Each structure stands twice: as C-alpha cells, then as structure tokens.
C-alpha cells in the first residue's frame, strides 16, 4: 500500500475519532487520523462524564491514566428550574448497571490528548495541524482527502473510506452535502473559573428565561462554567464575550454572585450553533461519527459518551466492510445507521423532550418539581447518563407523573 493510501482516513481526533481509530487499529486496519489542532489542546465542552462514559474509556485502555490525573469525582447532577424547583439525582441510586457509582469531570485538554496517545500506541498514524480542504472520490474504490498540511505531511491521502469525526461544523459532512441545521440554534460560552462558591460533588444546571447555565467542578477549586443561550441572543456578545458572559450569569438567581469575575483559569470559548445533524450518517465512501453525525444540545452533558460509543459501532461496521474488495458504498455501511438508531433513539427523544420543554420555563420548572417529589430524579440522571434505559421515562405512566 502506498505511503499516502490507507484503509480508513479519520478527520478529527476528538473522542469520536480516537475511539473509531483505536478500535479499527486493534482489528488490524491501517488508519490515518488527521486534525487541524496540535495536541494537547483545549475545547469548549461541559467536560462531564457519567459512569457509562468511564466504561468506554476503560475499554479503550485509558481510564487508568485518567484516574491517575487530577479528574474530579462526580456523584450526580442537580437541576434547578427558573421558578426555583430543583431535583438532585445520583448515579449510585439510579438503578441500571453503572460501571461505577460515580462519574468524572475530565478537562478536554487531558482527555483528548490521552486518547490521541492511545491511538498512536495502537498503531494509528496521527497527523496534527493539517486542515482538510477537500474530499472527493479518486477512482472506483478510493476517497481522496486534500490537506493544507504542516511541513512534511503529504498534501493528500487516499483511503477506502473516510470517517468524518470533525464535529458540529464538519467539513467532510458539508462537502458531501450531508450536513443539516435544525431550528433550535443555541450557542455556548464556556470558561474555567477559580473560586466558584457552593460547589459540591454534583454538577449543576440552572435554567433561566433565555437559556441555561452549567457548573461542573473540575477539582483544585476550578469550575467549568457554561452559558448556553439562543443564537439570536448570543449575537450581542460579538466583541465583548466576557461582559456578555457575566451579564447573563447575573440574571439567574442560583448563579448570581457565585462566579468571581476576575478569576479565569481559561478564557471564555464559544461554540455552536447546536441542533446540527446529518441528513444521513453514511454515503458512498463516507461515514459520520460523533457530533458530525448528530448533536442536539449539551444539556444532558453526554456528548462524550455518545462519541465513544458511536466510534465503537463505526469500527465494527467498517471492519466488516473492509473485509471484501471493491468500493465501499452506502449499502455496505447500512448497518451503521441501524445500530445508531437502536442505541440512541430513546436518548434522542429524551434530549429533545428536555430541550423543547425549556422553551416553556414554567412547564420545565413544574416537571423538575414533580420528578423530585415523586422519586424519579435519580432515574432521570441514569437515563441522561446512558446506563438506565430511556424507556423508563418514555412511557405513559412516567410521563403522567412529570406533568400531572
């Protein structure tokens, strides 16, 4: 095989890309993974992982390294509505089969670099600081990715299949005509702040009239603070993200006064708009994983888990498709969308139910209060944490308890 030709070319070295790469390399496939960043690198993210995420990290062989680093143990999550009703759910009481009784808050600087290192050890060729400029078919059985590379990197790679793991604004998905933007367009402003008061072992979510705020304790007195607002509201942040950030924090009663203004350990980073999805998760010679395939909203905090799980699914389907000669068309990849639906459909419904209910703050507040009073808070946190079946919530009896 030529040096610039590989079995699988993965664009994006975040959790979805690294998970796919590691699983494929373990199966003996030749994998090249490219990313425009140099690792370690930071990323706007809630940095929240449930016990189920830790199960996937353990399977990838990196959990020991993360446990040895300064990752903060999380017992669960507290959700507070705009009118003051609150629920607190704990992983240990949620039922299901959690990998551990706790989750972790893991800085993306640590997580992504650890996964990339594991991919290299598995035999993946990792190309950093290379920006994808094009994707097209090259002959009957190859896809070509063209790059604007760092010094010494080939200007293109040919592969039997390309995996788009390059996030919300996936270049590959857009070039292939697969990207679609939904209408619930929210933006996130995320910072690391030292000295946030009142933090415990739970992450916090505070819903306001124009969005919500997440607090996630990272350890050593530092908290991940995320403000999520509609895109039209976020437009007024242009040129003044810090002022915008603190103006909106001050409007939410459970947050006002808790976040010191001049205590950034990492400046505000902006990402979005969310509610991005693919028209299809496969096409001829192309497969989408992670946020490139679907990302609705960060409220449940489990994008990392979905990325890791999706990477494992993708690798299994790709390995089977690569076993035979000839072009890898959408038909040979068709099992992947079916696996995604089976694994994620219930969670997709729960995410959208939560996301759209937040558009009516009194209704959301009412549901939060009823979930707490009727003993369903732990179960909800297990569902959003991916280790309790979503159908425990998505049934007439549970739905009635939330609103009646």
Protein backbone atom coordinates (compact mmCIF):
# COMPACT_ATOMS: atom_id res chain seq x y z
CA UNK A 1 0.00 0.00 0.00
CA UNK A 2 1.39 3.42 -0.93
CA UNK A 3 2.50 5.67 1.97
CA UNK A 4 -0.31 8.11 1.17
CA UNK A 5 -3.00 5.39 0.93
CA UNK A 6 -4.72 3.81 3.90
CA UNK A 7 -7.72 1.68 4.77
CA UNK A 8 -9.51 4.39 6.76
CA UNK A 9 -8.88 8.12 6.93
CA UNK A 10 -10.43 9.75 10.02
CA UNK A 11 -10.89 13.51 10.07
CA UNK A 12 -10.96 14.77 13.66
CA UNK A 13 -9.01 13.43 16.65
CA UNK A 14 -11.54 14.10 19.41
CA UNK A 15 -13.25 11.29 21.35
CA UNK A 16 -15.28 10.05 18.36
CA UNK A 17 -12.31 9.96 16.00
CA UNK A 18 -9.91 8.43 18.52
CA UNK A 19 -12.44 5.79 19.58
CA UNK A 20 -13.01 4.76 15.96
CA UNK A 21 -9.28 4.76 15.26
CA UNK A 22 -8.30 2.67 18.28
CA UNK A 23 -10.95 0.02 17.68
CA UNK A 24 -10.02 -0.25 13.98
CA UNK A 25 -6.29 -0.43 14.68
CA UNK A 26 -6.90 -3.24 17.16
CA UNK A 27 -8.64 -5.10 14.35
CA UNK A 28 -5.53 -4.79 12.19
CA UNK A 29 -6.71 -1.98 9.92
CA UNK A 30 -4.36 0.73 8.67
CA UNK A 31 -5.71 4.04 9.97
CA UNK A 32 -4.64 7.65 9.48
CA UNK A 33 -6.25 10.28 11.72
CA UNK A 34 -5.83 13.97 10.92
CA UNK A 35 -6.74 17.04 12.96
CA UNK A 36 -6.21 20.74 12.44
CA UNK A 37 -5.08 21.17 16.06
CA UNK A 38 -1.88 20.22 17.87
CA UNK A 39 -2.44 18.13 21.00
CA UNK A 40 -2.89 18.71 23.85
CA UNK A 41 -5.48 21.34 23.01
CA UNK A 42 -8.47 22.86 24.76
CA UNK A 43 -12.07 22.69 23.60
CA UNK A 44 -15.36 24.27 24.64
CA UNK A 45 -17.20 21.42 26.38
CA UNK A 46 -19.04 20.69 29.62
CA UNK A 47 -16.28 18.14 30.47
CA UNK A 48 -18.84 15.96 32.24
CA UNK A 49 -18.67 12.16 32.06
CA UNK A 50 -21.12 9.67 33.56
CA UNK A 51 -20.22 6.14 34.72
CA UNK A 52 -21.11 4.79 31.27
CA UNK A 53 -18.51 7.06 29.67
CA UNK A 54 -15.94 5.58 32.02
CA UNK A 55 -16.90 2.10 30.83
CA UNK A 56 -15.95 3.11 27.29
CA UNK A 57 -12.72 4.77 28.43
CA UNK A 58 -11.80 1.59 30.28
CA UNK A 59 -12.43 -0.49 27.13
CA UNK A 60 -10.11 1.87 25.23
CA UNK A 61 -7.39 1.32 27.82
CA UNK A 62 -7.11 4.93 29.01
CA UNK A 63 -9.12 5.05 32.23
CA UNK A 64 -6.12 4.21 34.40
CA UNK A 65 -4.21 7.21 33.07
CA UNK A 66 -7.22 9.48 33.61
CA UNK A 67 -7.78 8.18 37.14
CA UNK A 68 -4.14 8.96 37.90
CA UNK A 69 -4.59 12.56 36.71
CA UNK A 70 -6.50 15.26 38.64
CA UNK A 71 -10.02 14.37 37.46
CA UNK A 72 -12.86 15.34 39.83
CA UNK A 73 -15.31 12.66 41.02
CA UNK A 74 -18.98 13.44 40.26
CA UNK A 75 -21.79 11.94 42.32
CA UNK A 76 -24.60 13.18 40.06
CA UNK A 77 -26.40 16.33 38.92
CA UNK A 78 -28.69 18.99 40.36
CA UNK A 79 -31.16 20.71 38.01
CA UNK A 80 -32.89 23.95 39.04
CA UNK A 81 -35.80 25.45 37.12
CA UNK A 82 -36.41 29.13 36.53
CA UNK A 83 -39.06 29.33 39.26
CA UNK A 84 -36.91 27.62 41.89
CA UNK A 85 -37.96 23.97 41.80
CA UNK A 86 -34.95 21.65 41.86
CA UNK A 87 -34.06 17.99 41.59
CA UNK A 88 -30.89 16.14 42.53
CA UNK A 89 -30.12 12.77 41.01
CA UNK A 90 -27.25 10.49 41.98
CA UNK A 91 -25.67 7.83 39.79
CA UNK A 92 -25.40 5.37 42.67
CA UNK A 93 -29.18 5.38 43.25
CA UNK A 94 -30.30 5.43 39.61
CA UNK A 95 -30.63 1.69 39.06
CA UNK A 96 -29.45 0.07 35.87
CA UNK A 97 -25.93 -1.30 35.71
CA UNK A 98 -23.50 1.60 36.20
CA UNK A 99 -19.81 0.88 35.63
CA UNK A 100 -19.08 2.87 38.79
CA UNK A 101 -21.16 4.68 41.39
CA UNK A 102 -19.66 7.99 40.24
CA UNK A 103 -18.68 9.84 37.08
CA UNK A 104 -15.77 12.19 36.47
CA UNK A 105 -15.23 15.78 35.37
CA UNK A 106 -12.34 15.46 32.89
CA UNK A 107 -10.75 18.51 31.24
CA UNK A 108 -10.72 18.05 27.47
CA UNK A 109 -7.06 19.08 27.42
CA UNK A 110 -6.37 15.87 29.35
CA UNK A 111 -8.99 13.58 27.83
CA UNK A 112 -8.34 14.23 24.15
CA UNK A 113 -4.55 14.08 24.46
CA UNK A 114 -4.79 10.80 26.40
CA UNK A 115 -6.98 9.28 23.67
CA UNK A 116 -4.69 10.50 20.88
CA UNK A 117 -1.68 8.98 22.66
CA UNK A 118 -3.59 5.69 22.98
CA UNK A 119 -4.37 5.79 19.25
CA UNK A 120 -0.68 6.21 18.43
CA UNK A 121 0.21 3.28 20.69
CA UNK A 122 -2.40 1.18 18.87
CA UNK A 123 -0.63 1.88 15.57
CA UNK A 124 -2.69 4.79 14.22
CA UNK A 125 -0.79 7.39 12.19
CA UNK A 126 -1.81 10.73 13.71
CA UNK A 127 -1.31 13.85 11.61
CA UNK A 128 -1.69 17.09 13.58
CA UNK A 129 -2.01 20.68 12.34
CA UNK A 130 -3.44 19.62 8.98
CA UNK A 131 -6.61 21.29 7.71
CA UNK A 132 -8.91 19.42 5.33
CA UNK A 133 -9.60 21.43 2.18
CA UNK A 134 -11.48 18.88 0.09
CA UNK A 135 -12.97 15.40 -0.12
CA UNK A 136 -13.83 13.58 -3.33
CA UNK A 137 -13.76 10.16 -4.97
CA UNK A 138 -10.46 9.17 -6.59
CA UNK A 139 -11.04 6.21 -8.85
CA UNK A 140 -13.51 3.40 -8.36
CA UNK A 141 -12.54 2.32 -4.86
CA UNK A 142 -10.87 5.25 -3.10
CA UNK A 143 -11.73 8.56 -1.47
CA UNK A 144 -9.21 11.39 -1.51
CA UNK A 145 -8.80 13.94 1.26
CA UNK A 146 -6.77 17.01 0.36
CA UNK A 147 -4.99 18.89 3.11
CA UNK A 148 -3.32 22.17 3.91
CA UNK A 149 -0.62 20.43 5.92
CA UNK A 150 2.20 21.23 8.24
CA UNK A 151 5.72 20.75 6.86
CA UNK A 152 6.44 17.17 5.81
CA UNK A 153 2.84 15.91 5.63
CA UNK A 154 1.56 14.66 2.25
CA UNK A 155 -0.90 17.12 0.64
CA UNK A 156 -3.46 14.36 0.30
CA UNK A 157 -4.38 10.85 1.46
CA UNK A 158 -6.36 8.19 -0.36
CA UNK A 159 -8.47 5.79 1.67
CA UNK A 160 -11.09 3.16 1.03
CA UNK A 161 -13.38 5.05 3.38
CA UNK A 162 -13.35 8.44 5.11
CA UNK A 163 -14.75 8.89 8.63
CA UNK A 164 -15.95 12.39 9.48
CA UNK A 165 -15.31 12.97 13.18
CA UNK A 166 -14.73 16.69 12.81
CA UNK A 167 -17.56 18.00 14.94
CA UNK A 168 -20.55 20.30 14.68
CA UNK A 169 -19.31 22.13 11.59
CA UNK A 170 -17.90 19.06 9.90
CA UNK A 171 -16.05 19.97 6.71
CA UNK A 172 -16.49 16.44 5.37
CA UNK A 173 -20.24 16.36 6.05
CA UNK A 174 -20.70 19.76 4.41
CA UNK A 175 -18.62 18.87 1.35
CA UNK A 176 -20.61 15.65 0.98
CA UNK A 177 -23.93 17.52 1.28
CA UNK A 178 -24.87 15.63 4.45
CA UNK A 179 -24.99 18.49 6.98
CA UNK A 180 -28.32 19.90 8.13
CA UNK A 181 -29.01 22.59 10.73
CA UNK A 182 -32.10 22.41 12.95
CA UNK A 183 -34.04 25.41 14.16
CA UNK A 184 -33.28 25.24 17.91
CA UNK A 185 -29.99 27.08 17.46
CA UNK A 186 -28.15 27.62 20.74
CA UNK A 187 -24.62 28.86 21.42
CA UNK A 188 -22.39 28.02 24.37
CA UNK A 189 -19.90 30.27 26.15
CA UNK A 190 -17.58 28.14 28.30
CA UNK A 191 -14.85 29.17 30.74
CA UNK A 192 -12.82 27.73 33.60
CA UNK A 193 -13.18 29.86 36.73
CA UNK A 194 -11.48 29.54 40.11
CA UNK A 195 -13.36 30.14 43.34
CA UNK A 196 -16.99 29.46 42.32
CA UNK A 197 -18.82 29.20 45.64
CA UNK A 198 -21.16 26.46 46.80
CA UNK A 199 -19.80 23.65 44.63
CA UNK A 200 -20.08 20.08 45.86
CA UNK A 201 -19.72 16.67 44.19
CA UNK A 202 -22.60 17.28 41.80
CA UNK A 203 -22.68 19.12 38.52
CA UNK A 204 -25.36 21.85 38.43
CA UNK A 205 -27.75 23.03 35.71
CA UNK A 206 -29.72 26.25 36.20
CA UNK A 207 -32.44 27.04 33.67
CA UNK A 208 -33.33 30.68 33.09
CA UNK A 209 -35.76 32.50 30.85
CA UNK A 210 -33.28 32.78 27.95
CA UNK A 211 -31.17 29.66 28.27
CA UNK A 212 -29.30 27.79 30.96
CA UNK A 213 -26.02 27.66 32.88
CA UNK A 214 -23.98 24.59 33.77
CA UNK A 215 -21.45 24.33 36.58
CA UNK A 216 -19.11 21.35 36.65
CA UNK A 217 -16.41 21.09 39.37
CA UNK A 218 -13.03 20.22 37.81
CA UNK A 219 -11.09 20.00 41.08
CA UNK A 220 -8.45 22.19 42.69
CA UNK A 221 -11.03 24.94 43.16
CA UNK A 222 -11.71 25.30 39.41
CA UNK A 223 -15.18 25.01 37.86
CA UNK A 224 -16.29 24.64 34.28
CA UNK A 225 -18.91 27.37 33.79
CA UNK A 226 -21.04 27.11 30.64
CA UNK A 227 -23.66 29.61 29.49
CA UNK A 228 -26.00 28.35 26.74
CA UNK A 229 -28.32 30.84 25.00
CA UNK A 230 -30.22 31.11 21.71
CA UNK A 231 -28.15 32.22 18.75
CA UNK A 232 -30.06 35.48 18.36
CA UNK A 233 -29.26 36.36 21.99
CA UNK A 234 -25.61 35.39 21.54
CA UNK A 235 -25.24 37.83 18.66
CA UNK A 236 -24.90 40.69 21.17
CA UNK A 237 -21.71 39.07 22.55
CA UNK A 238 -19.69 39.97 19.46
CA UNK A 239 -16.54 41.77 20.56
CA UNK A 240 -17.43 41.52 24.28
CA UNK A 241 -17.74 37.83 25.25
CA UNK A 242 -16.57 38.28 28.85
CA UNK A 243 -19.03 41.10 29.61
CA UNK A 244 -21.84 39.16 27.91
CA UNK A 245 -20.94 36.06 29.91
CA UNK A 246 -21.15 37.77 33.30
CA UNK A 247 -24.22 39.85 32.43
CA UNK A 248 -26.16 36.64 31.78
CA UNK A 249 -24.77 34.81 34.81
CA UNK A 250 -26.04 37.65 36.99
CA UNK A 251 -29.60 37.17 35.71
CA UNK A 252 -30.00 33.64 37.11
CA UNK A 253 -30.78 33.56 40.86
CA UNK A 254 -28.93 30.32 41.58
CA UNK A 255 -25.78 31.64 39.90
CA UNK A 256 -25.73 35.37 40.71
CA UNK A 257 -22.81 36.26 42.98
CA UNK A 258 -21.22 32.80 42.91
CA UNK A 259 -18.82 33.20 39.96
CA UNK A 260 -15.96 35.68 40.55
CA UNK A 261 -15.37 37.94 37.57
CA UNK A 262 -11.58 38.13 37.54
CA UNK A 263 -10.72 34.50 38.25
CA UNK A 264 -10.48 32.87 34.82
CA UNK A 265 -8.06 29.98 34.55
CA UNK A 266 -9.18 29.59 30.93
CA UNK A 267 -10.83 32.35 28.95
CA UNK A 268 -14.33 32.15 27.51
CA UNK A 269 -14.54 29.86 24.48
CA UNK A 270 -17.56 29.91 22.17
CA UNK A 271 -19.13 27.02 20.27
CA UNK A 272 -22.33 26.34 18.35
CA UNK A 273 -24.88 26.69 16.99
CA UNK A 274 -26.20 23.34 18.21
CA UNK A 275 -29.08 21.28 16.83
CA UNK A 276 -26.86 20.14 13.98
CA UNK A 277 -27.45 16.79 12.37
CA UNK A 278 -26.72 14.82 9.24
CA UNK A 279 -29.21 14.02 6.53
CA UNK A 280 -27.66 10.56 6.54
CA UNK A 281 -24.84 9.14 8.64
CA UNK A 282 -23.34 7.24 5.67
CA UNK A 283 -22.76 7.91 2.00
CA UNK A 284 -20.60 6.25 -0.64
CA UNK A 285 -17.13 6.06 0.90
CA UNK A 286 -18.07 8.25 3.90
CA UNK A 287 -19.26 7.63 7.46
CA UNK A 288 -20.11 10.27 10.10
CA UNK A 289 -19.45 9.77 13.83
CA UNK A 290 -19.84 11.88 16.96
CA UNK A 291 -21.06 15.46 16.66
CA UNK A 292 -20.61 15.34 12.88
CA UNK A 293 -23.49 12.85 12.77
CA UNK A 294 -25.77 14.45 15.35
CA UNK A 295 -25.59 16.93 18.22
CA UNK A 296 -28.78 18.41 19.57
CA UNK A 297 -27.91 20.26 22.78
CA UNK A 298 -25.29 19.93 25.56
CA UNK A 299 -27.85 19.99 28.42
CA UNK A 300 -27.52 16.29 29.28
CA UNK A 301 -23.73 16.52 29.14
CA UNK A 302 -23.24 13.15 27.47
CA UNK A 303 -21.82 14.03 24.07
CA UNK A 304 -18.53 12.37 25.01
CA UNK A 305 -20.26 9.09 25.84
CA UNK A 306 -22.19 9.10 22.56
CA UNK A 307 -18.98 9.87 20.66
CA UNK A 308 -17.08 6.96 22.23
CA UNK A 309 -19.97 4.53 21.77
CA UNK A 310 -20.54 5.67 18.20
CA UNK A 311 -16.86 5.18 17.40
CA UNK A 312 -17.01 1.59 18.58
CA UNK A 313 -20.11 0.95 16.44
CA UNK A 314 -18.49 2.59 13.43
CA UNK A 315 -15.34 0.49 13.76
CA UNK A 316 -17.29 -2.76 13.81
CA UNK A 317 -19.21 -1.88 10.66
CA UNK A 318 -16.11 -0.59 8.88
CA UNK A 319 -14.07 -3.68 9.71
CA UNK A 320 -16.74 -5.88 8.14
CA UNK A 321 -16.99 -3.63 5.06
CA UNK A 322 -13.21 -3.63 4.59
CA UNK A 323 -13.07 -7.42 4.59
CA UNK A 324 -14.16 -7.52 0.93
CA UNK A 325 -12.59 -5.89 -2.11
CA UNK A 326 -14.30 -3.21 -4.14
CA UNK A 327 -15.85 0.18 -3.45
CA UNK A 328 -17.31 0.78 -0.01
CA UNK A 329 -20.64 2.32 -0.86
CA UNK A 330 -23.52 3.38 1.40
CA UNK A 331 -25.12 -0.06 1.05
CA UNK A 332 -22.10 -1.75 2.63
CA UNK A 333 -22.26 0.70 5.53
CA UNK A 334 -26.05 0.48 6.01
CA UNK A 335 -25.82 -1.45 9.29
CA UNK A 336 -24.29 1.61 10.99
CA UNK A 337 -27.39 3.89 10.86
CA UNK A 338 -29.48 0.95 12.11
CA UNK A 339 -27.10 0.41 15.05
CA UNK A 340 -27.19 4.12 15.87
CA UNK A 341 -30.98 4.17 15.90
CA UNK A 342 -31.14 1.13 18.15
CA UNK A 343 -28.58 2.53 20.59
CA UNK A 344 -29.55 6.21 20.61
CA UNK A 345 -33.20 6.61 19.62
CA UNK A 346 -34.60 6.72 23.15
CA UNK A 347 -31.89 9.13 24.28
CA UNK A 348 -32.50 11.36 21.24
CA UNK A 349 -36.19 11.58 22.22
CA UNK A 350 -35.34 12.43 25.86
CA UNK A 351 -32.84 15.11 24.79
CA UNK A 352 -35.39 16.76 22.52
CA UNK A 353 -38.13 16.49 25.11
CA UNK A 354 -35.90 18.33 27.61
CA UNK A 355 -34.64 20.84 25.04
CA UNK A 356 -38.07 21.87 23.79
CA UNK A 357 -39.63 21.90 27.27
CA UNK A 358 -37.06 24.51 28.28
CA UNK A 359 -38.70 26.85 25.77
CA UNK A 360 -41.62 26.98 28.26
CA UNK A 361 -39.83 27.68 31.59
CA UNK A 362 -42.94 27.28 33.81
CA UNK A 363 -43.64 23.85 32.32
CA UNK A 364 -39.99 22.83 32.73
CA UNK A 365 -39.99 24.03 36.34
CA UNK A 366 -43.19 22.08 37.03
CA UNK A 367 -41.67 18.89 35.61
CA UNK A 368 -38.49 19.33 37.67
CA UNK A 369 -40.50 19.69 40.87
CA UNK A 370 -42.60 16.63 40.18
CA UNK A 371 -39.63 14.47 39.28
CA UNK A 372 -38.02 15.32 42.61
CA UNK A 373 -41.16 14.85 44.72
CA UNK A 374 -42.11 11.58 43.05
CA UNK A 375 -38.71 9.95 43.45
CA UNK A 376 -37.77 9.99 39.76
CA UNK A 377 -34.72 12.29 39.87
CA UNK A 378 -32.15 9.51 40.22
CA UNK A 379 -33.71 7.58 37.36
CA UNK A 380 -33.58 10.66 35.10
CA UNK A 381 -29.88 11.14 35.81
CA UNK A 382 -29.31 7.47 34.99
CA UNK A 383 -31.17 7.90 31.69
CA UNK A 384 -29.22 11.01 30.71
CA UNK A 385 -26.06 9.18 31.83
CA UNK A 386 -26.77 6.35 29.36
CA UNK A 387 -26.88 3.44 31.82
CA UNK A 388 -30.64 3.39 32.55
CA UNK A 389 -33.00 2.67 29.66
CA UNK A 390 -34.68 5.84 28.34
CA UNK A 391 -37.89 3.87 28.03
CA UNK A 392 -38.14 4.02 31.83
CA UNK A 393 -39.05 7.68 31.24
CA UNK A 394 -40.66 7.40 27.82
CA UNK A 395 -43.86 5.64 28.82
CA UNK A 396 -47.35 6.94 29.69
CA UNK A 397 -47.08 6.33 33.44
CA UNK A 398 -43.74 8.15 33.86
CA UNK A 399 -44.79 11.00 31.58
CA UNK A 400 -48.00 11.49 33.54
CA UNK A 401 -46.05 11.70 36.81
CA UNK A 402 -43.96 14.52 35.36
CA UNK A 403 -46.81 16.79 34.31
CA UNK A 404 -49.99 15.83 36.22
